[in-house]
Amino acid sequence: MKRLIVDMDDVLADATGQFIKIIKADRGLIVDRESLNHKQEGTGFPLEREILTGYALKEMFFRSMEVKENSQRVLEKLNRQYELFIVSSAMEFPLSLYEKLEWLKEHFPFLHWKQIVFCGKKSIVHGDFMIDDLPHNLETFNGHKFLFTAPHNLQFNQFERLNDWKEVGERLL
């Protein structure tokens, strides 16, 4: 059975949307998602990077993210056809460990806890396929690399791109 590695933030969970929502609630600032296109992750927002990092360090930041459209249905099918692992670089944000686990249990109850890997650096994982929104995570991967579209990666074209979960299903099912 082929091994599939899937990232969480901005692949399964809408991290960009979470920042947009929190900035509006906390500062009253409206950020248009398209204004973030082609800008490095964490840039393009009308706040300093330290403030954005502070939001990610707060309780419930990761637990309350929205689920990417069609990800639940497609991932459940992929789980039957692949040795599937959810891999997230979670160590930078200590609260995210528990929150991401609880989020996965709620939204992807078909996953077993043994399929969830929280790490500091994704270069430790190997497999046949990897779906991630950050090119630097894909660069060290040994298998086929898929870049999942997010505003912060539109300028990159060195990897095969998957724009949404419908495309993931069409490509991998």
C-alpha atoms as a PDB file:
ATOM      1  CA  MET A   1       0.000   0.000   0.000  1.00  0.00           C
ATOM      2  CA  LYS A   2       1.399   3.411  -0.945  1.00  0.00           C
ATOM      3  CA  ARG A   3       2.026   5.966   1.809  1.00  0.00           C
ATOM      4  CA  LEU A   4       0.364   9.396   1.624  1.00  0.00           C
ATOM      5  CA  ILE A   5       1.481  12.276   3.863  1.00  0.00           C
ATOM      6  CA  VAL A   6      -1.011  15.155   4.288  1.00  0.00           C
ATOM      7  CA  ASP A   7      -0.335  18.487   6.022  1.00  0.00           C
ATOM      8  CA  MET A   8      -2.918  20.192   8.239  1.00  0.00           C
ATOM      9  CA  ASP A   9      -2.677  24.009   8.201  1.00  0.00           C
ATOM     10  CA  ASP A  10      -3.917  25.496   4.920  1.00  0.00           C
ATOM     11  CA  VAL A  11      -4.428  21.979   3.537  1.00  0.00           C
ATOM     12  CA  LEU A  12      -7.064  20.391   5.801  1.00  0.00           C
ATOM     13  CA  ALA A  13      -7.651  23.449   8.000  1.00  0.00           C
ATOM     14  CA  ASP A  14      -8.094  27.034   6.833  1.00  0.00           C
ATOM     15  CA  ALA A  15      -5.234  28.719   8.732  1.00  0.00           C
ATOM     16  CA  THR A  16      -5.254  31.774   6.472  1.00  0.00           C
ATOM     17  CA  GLY A  17      -8.983  32.218   7.093  1.00  0.00           C
ATOM     18  CA  GLN A  18      -8.381  31.876  10.832  1.00  0.00           C
ATOM     19  CA  PHE A  19      -5.919  34.770  10.812  1.00  0.00           C
ATOM     20  CA  ILE A  20      -8.339  36.867   8.739  1.00  0.00           C
ATOM     21  CA  LYS A  21     -11.183  36.131  11.183  1.00  0.00           C
ATOM     22  CA  ILE A  22      -9.114  36.873  14.303  1.00  0.00           C
ATOM     23  CA  ILE A  23      -7.667  40.103  12.907  1.00  0.00           C
ATOM     24  CA  LYS A  24     -11.191  41.324  12.161  1.00  0.00           C
ATOM     25  CA  ALA A  25     -12.478  40.354  15.623  1.00  0.00           C
ATOM     26  CA  ASP A  26      -9.444  41.661  17.526  1.00  0.00           C
ATOM     27  CA  ARG A  27      -8.509  44.769  15.539  1.00  0.00           C
ATOM     28  CA  GLY A  28     -11.551  45.514  13.385  1.00  0.00           C
ATOM     29  CA  LEU A  29      -9.372  45.207  10.284  1.00  0.00           C
ATOM     30  CA  ILE A  30     -10.755  43.542   7.170  1.00  0.00           C
ATOM     31  CA  VAL A  31      -8.204  41.554   5.211  1.00  0.00           C
ATOM     32  CA  ASP A  32      -9.136  40.476   1.713  1.00  0.00           C
ATOM     33  CA  ARG A  33      -7.773  36.962   1.111  1.00  0.00           C
ATOM     34  CA  GLU A  34      -6.731  37.903  -2.427  1.00  0.00           C
ATOM     35  CA  SER A  35      -4.509  40.684  -1.041  1.00  0.00           C
ATOM     36  CA  LEU A  36      -2.310  37.930   0.425  1.00  0.00           C
ATOM     37  CA  ASN A  37      -1.708  36.269  -2.953  1.00  0.00           C
ATOM     38  CA  HIS A  38       1.937  35.765  -3.965  1.00  0.00           C
ATOM     39  CA  LYS A  39       3.232  37.002  -0.588  1.00  0.00           C
ATOM     40  CA  GLN A  40       5.356  34.924   1.776  1.00  0.00           C
ATOM     41  CA  GLU A  41       3.482  33.142   4.549  1.00  0.00           C
ATOM     42  CA  GLY A  42       2.730  35.602   7.347  1.00  0.00           C
ATOM     43  CA  THR A  43       3.349  38.671   5.217  1.00  0.00           C
ATOM     44  CA  GLY A  44       0.680  40.730   3.529  1.00  0.00           C
ATOM     45  CA  PHE A  45      -1.326  41.101   6.719  1.00  0.00           C
ATOM     46  CA  PRO A  46      -1.602  44.668   8.091  1.00  0.00           C
ATOM     47  CA  LEU A  47       0.145  43.610  11.322  1.00  0.00           C
ATOM     48  CA  GLU A  48       3.688  42.762  12.368  1.00  0.00           C
ATOM     49  CA  ARG A  49       4.727  39.103  12.222  1.00  0.00           C
ATOM     50  CA  GLU A  50       5.125  39.030  16.038  1.00  0.00           C
ATOM     51  CA  ILE A  51       1.453  39.913  16.472  1.00  0.00           C
ATOM     52  CA  LEU A  52       0.409  37.154  14.062  1.00  0.00           C
ATOM     53  CA  THR A  53       2.600  34.665  15.921  1.00  0.00           C
ATOM     54  CA  GLY A  54       0.969  35.804  19.152  1.00  0.00           C
ATOM     55  CA  TYR A  55      -2.449  34.899  17.781  1.00  0.00           C
ATOM     56  CA  ALA A  56      -1.203  31.402  16.933  1.00  0.00           C
ATOM     57  CA  LEU A  57       0.103  31.023  20.491  1.00  0.00           C
ATOM     58  CA  LYS A  58      -3.314  31.730  22.007  1.00  0.00           C
ATOM     59  CA  GLU A  59      -5.732  29.089  23.203  1.00  0.00           C
ATOM     60  CA  MET A  60      -8.316  27.903  20.642  1.00  0.00           C
ATOM     61  CA  PHE A  61      -6.475  29.299  17.605  1.00  0.00           C
ATOM     62  CA  PHE A  62      -5.942  25.861  16.064  1.00  0.00           C
ATOM     63  CA  ARG A  63      -8.982  24.198  17.609  1.00  0.00           C
ATOM     64  CA  SER A  64     -11.471  26.543  15.946  1.00  0.00           C
ATOM     65  CA  MET A  65     -10.207  26.554  12.360  1.00  0.00           C
ATOM     66  CA  GLU A  66     -12.638  25.883   9.535  1.00  0.00           C
ATOM     67  CA  VAL A  67     -12.345  22.621   7.595  1.00  0.00           C
ATOM     68  CA  LYS A  68     -11.334  22.900   3.934  1.00  0.00           C
ATOM     69  CA  GLU A  69     -14.241  22.145   1.621  1.00  0.00           C
ATOM     70  CA  ASN A  70     -14.501  18.483   0.509  1.00  0.00           C
ATOM     71  CA  SER A  71     -11.472  17.453   2.586  1.00  0.00           C
ATOM     72  CA  GLN A  72     -13.445  15.166   4.903  1.00  0.00           C
ATOM     73  CA  ARG A  73     -15.108  13.177   2.138  1.00  0.00           C
ATOM     74  CA  VAL A  74     -11.973  12.855   0.008  1.00  0.00           C
ATOM     75  CA  LEU A  75      -9.647  12.071   2.914  1.00  0.00           C
ATOM     76  CA  GLU A  76     -11.953   9.319   4.125  1.00  0.00           C
ATOM     77  CA  LYS A  77     -11.739   7.680   0.691  1.00  0.00           C
ATOM     78  CA  LEU A  78      -7.973   8.158   0.553  1.00  0.00           C
ATOM     79  CA  ASN A  79      -7.714   6.533   3.973  1.00  0.00           C
ATOM     80  CA  ARG A  80      -9.077   3.316   2.468  1.00  0.00           C
ATOM     81  CA  GLN A  81      -6.600   3.297  -0.423  1.00  0.00           C
ATOM     82  CA  TYR A  82      -3.374   4.585   1.138  1.00  0.00           C
ATOM     83  CA  GLU A  83      -1.305   4.236   4.253  1.00  0.00           C
ATOM     84  CA  LEU A  84      -2.322   7.737   5.311  1.00  0.00           C
ATOM     85  CA  PHE A  85      -0.557   9.990   7.817  1.00  0.00           C
ATOM     86  CA  ILE A  86      -1.449  13.515   8.864  1.00  0.00           C
ATOM     87  CA  VAL A  87       1.836  15.298   9.528  1.00  0.00           C
ATOM     88  CA  SER A  88       1.991  18.747  11.078  1.00  0.00           C
ATOM     89  CA  SER A  89       4.926  20.899  12.184  1.00  0.00           C
ATOM     90  CA  ALA A  90       3.274  21.667  15.495  1.00  0.00           C
ATOM     91  CA  MET A  91       6.137  22.011  17.937  1.00  0.00           C
ATOM     92  CA  GLU A  92       6.552  25.789  17.520  1.00  0.00           C
ATOM     93  CA  PHE A  93       3.094  26.326  19.029  1.00  0.00           C
ATOM     94  CA  PRO A  94       2.789  24.181  22.185  1.00  0.00           C
ATOM     95  CA  LEU A  95      -0.992  24.616  22.544  1.00  0.00           C
ATOM     96  CA  SER A  96      -1.459  23.373  19.001  1.00  0.00           C
ATOM     97  CA  LEU A  97      -0.576  19.787  19.903  1.00  0.00           C
ATOM     98  CA  TYR A  98      -3.719  19.123  21.914  1.00  0.00           C
ATOM     99  CA  GLU A  99      -5.878  21.451  19.823  1.00  0.00           C
ATOM    100  CA  LYS A 100      -4.866  19.862  16.515  1.00  0.00           C
ATOM    101  CA  LEU A 101      -5.467  16.385  17.912  1.00  0.00           C
ATOM    102  CA  GLU A 102      -8.935  17.359  19.133  1.00  0.00           C
ATOM    103  CA  TRP A 103      -9.695  19.114  15.825  1.00  0.00           C
ATOM    104  CA  LEU A 104      -8.745  15.984  13.877  1.00  0.00           C
ATOM    105  CA  LYS A 105     -10.813  13.750  16.169  1.00  0.00           C
ATOM    106  CA  GLU A 106     -13.852  15.982  15.627  1.00  0.00           C
ATOM    107  CA  HIS A 107     -13.592  16.551  11.885  1.00  0.00           C
ATOM    108  CA  PHE A 108     -11.871  13.329  10.744  1.00  0.00           C
ATOM    109  CA  PRO A 109     -13.122  10.687  13.204  1.00  0.00           C
ATOM    110  CA  PHE A 110     -12.159   7.863  10.841  1.00  0.00           C
ATOM    111  CA  LEU A 111      -8.450   8.557  11.490  1.00  0.00           C
ATOM    112  CA  HIS A 112      -6.664   6.483  14.131  1.00  0.00           C
ATOM    113  CA  TRP A 113      -4.341   8.289  16.548  1.00  0.00           C
ATOM    114  CA  LYS A 114      -1.456   6.262  15.098  1.00  0.00           C
ATOM    115  CA  GLN A 115      -1.943   8.123  11.804  1.00  0.00           C
ATOM    116  CA  ILE A 116      -1.164  11.520  13.335  1.00  0.00           C
ATOM    117  CA  VAL A 117       2.398  12.837  13.497  1.00  0.00           C
ATOM    118  CA  PHE A 118       3.334  16.114  15.167  1.00  0.00           C
ATOM    119  CA  CYS A 119       6.929  17.113  14.562  1.00  0.00           C
ATOM    120  CA  GLY A 120       9.320  20.015  14.393  1.00  0.00           C
ATOM    121  CA  LYS A 121      10.623  19.399  10.884  1.00  0.00           C
ATOM    122  CA  LYS A 122       8.967  17.362   8.149  1.00  0.00           C
ATOM    123  CA  SER A 123      12.250  16.135   6.697  1.00  0.00           C
ATOM    124  CA  ILE A 124      11.870  13.177   9.091  1.00  0.00           C
ATOM    125  CA  VAL A 125       8.903  11.736   7.169  1.00  0.00           C
ATOM    126  CA  HIS A 126       9.027   9.613   4.053  1.00  0.00           C
ATOM    127  CA  GLY A 127       6.443   8.166   1.735  1.00  0.00           C
ATOM    128  CA  ASP A 128       5.174   7.923  -1.802  1.00  0.00           C
ATOM    129  CA  PHE A 129       3.138  11.161  -1.899  1.00  0.00           C
ATOM    130  CA  MET A 130       3.031  14.357   0.143  1.00  0.00           C
ATOM    131  CA  ILE A 131       0.482  17.190   0.038  1.00  0.00           C
ATOM    132  CA  ASP A 132       1.658  20.414   1.691  1.00  0.00           C
ATOM    133  CA  ASP A 133       1.195  24.158   1.236  1.00  0.00           C
ATOM    134  CA  LEU A 134       4.814  25.071   2.024  1.00  0.00           C
ATOM    135  CA  PRO A 135       7.471  24.429  -0.623  1.00  0.00           C
ATOM    136  CA  HIS A 136      10.264  24.041   1.951  1.00  0.00           C
ATOM    137  CA  ASN A 137       8.462  21.021   3.415  1.00  0.00           C
ATOM    138  CA  LEU A 138       8.230  19.426  -0.017  1.00  0.00           C
ATOM    139  CA  GLU A 139      11.866  20.081  -0.953  1.00  0.00           C
ATOM    140  CA  THR A 140      13.207  17.449   1.459  1.00  0.00           C
ATOM    141  CA  PHE A 141      10.499  14.861   0.759  1.00  0.00           C
ATOM    142  CA  ASN A 142      11.603  11.694  -1.044  1.00  0.00           C
ATOM    143  CA  GLY A 143       8.358  10.891  -2.904  1.00  0.00           C
ATOM    144  CA  HIS A 144       5.969  12.660  -5.276  1.00  0.00           C
ATOM    145  CA  LYS A 145       5.323  16.228  -4.127  1.00  0.00           C
ATOM    146  CA  PHE A 146       2.025  18.108  -4.394  1.00  0.00           C
ATOM    147  CA  LEU A 147       1.776  21.792  -3.527  1.00  0.00           C
ATOM    148  CA  PHE A 148      -1.681  22.564  -2.136  1.00  0.00           C
ATOM    149  CA  THR A 149      -2.741  26.027  -3.250  1.00  0.00           C
ATOM    150  CA  ALA A 150      -2.720  28.788  -0.641  1.00  0.00           C
ATOM    151  CA  PRO A 151      -2.294  32.554  -1.059  1.00  0.00           C
ATOM    152  CA  HIS A 152       1.318  32.380   0.162  1.00  0.00           C
ATOM    153  CA  ASN A 153       2.470  29.847  -2.441  1.00  0.00           C
ATOM    154  CA  LEU A 154       0.998  31.085  -5.715  1.00  0.00           C
ATOM    155  CA  GLN A 155       4.415  32.320  -6.838  1.00  0.00           C
ATOM    156  CA  PHE A 156       5.934  28.813  -6.740  1.00  0.00           C
ATOM    157  CA  ASN A 157       5.729  26.404  -9.656  1.00  0.00           C
ATOM    158  CA  GLN A 158       8.381  23.750  -9.038  1.00  0.00           C
ATOM    159  CA  PHE A 159       5.869  21.186  -7.743  1.00  0.00           C
ATOM    160  CA  GLU A 160       2.689  19.678  -9.113  1.00  0.00           C
ATOM    161  CA  ARG A 161      -0.166  21.819  -7.818  1.00  0.00           C
ATOM    162  CA  LEU A 162      -3.471  20.734  -6.314  1.00  0.00           C
ATOM    163  CA  ASN A 163      -5.886  23.654  -6.009  1.00  0.00           C
ATOM    164  CA  ASP A 164      -8.559  22.087  -3.808  1.00  0.00           C
ATOM    165  CA  TRP A 165      -9.799  18.789  -2.411  1.00  0.00           C
ATOM    166  CA  LYS A 166     -11.805  18.023  -5.525  1.00  0.00           C
ATOM    167  CA  GLU A 167      -8.523  18.000  -7.457  1.00  0.00           C
ATOM    168  CA  VAL A 168      -6.885  15.870  -4.757  1.00  0.00           C
ATOM    169  CA  GLY A 169      -9.611  13.273  -5.266  1.00  0.00           C
ATOM    170  CA  GLU A 170      -9.324  13.395  -9.054  1.00  0.00           C
ATOM    171  CA  ARG A 171      -5.541  12.955  -8.890  1.00  0.00           C
ATOM    172  CA  LEU A 172      -5.171  10.355  -6.133  1.00  0.00           C
ATOM    173  CA  LEU A 173      -8.395   8.301  -6.095  1.00  0.00           C
END
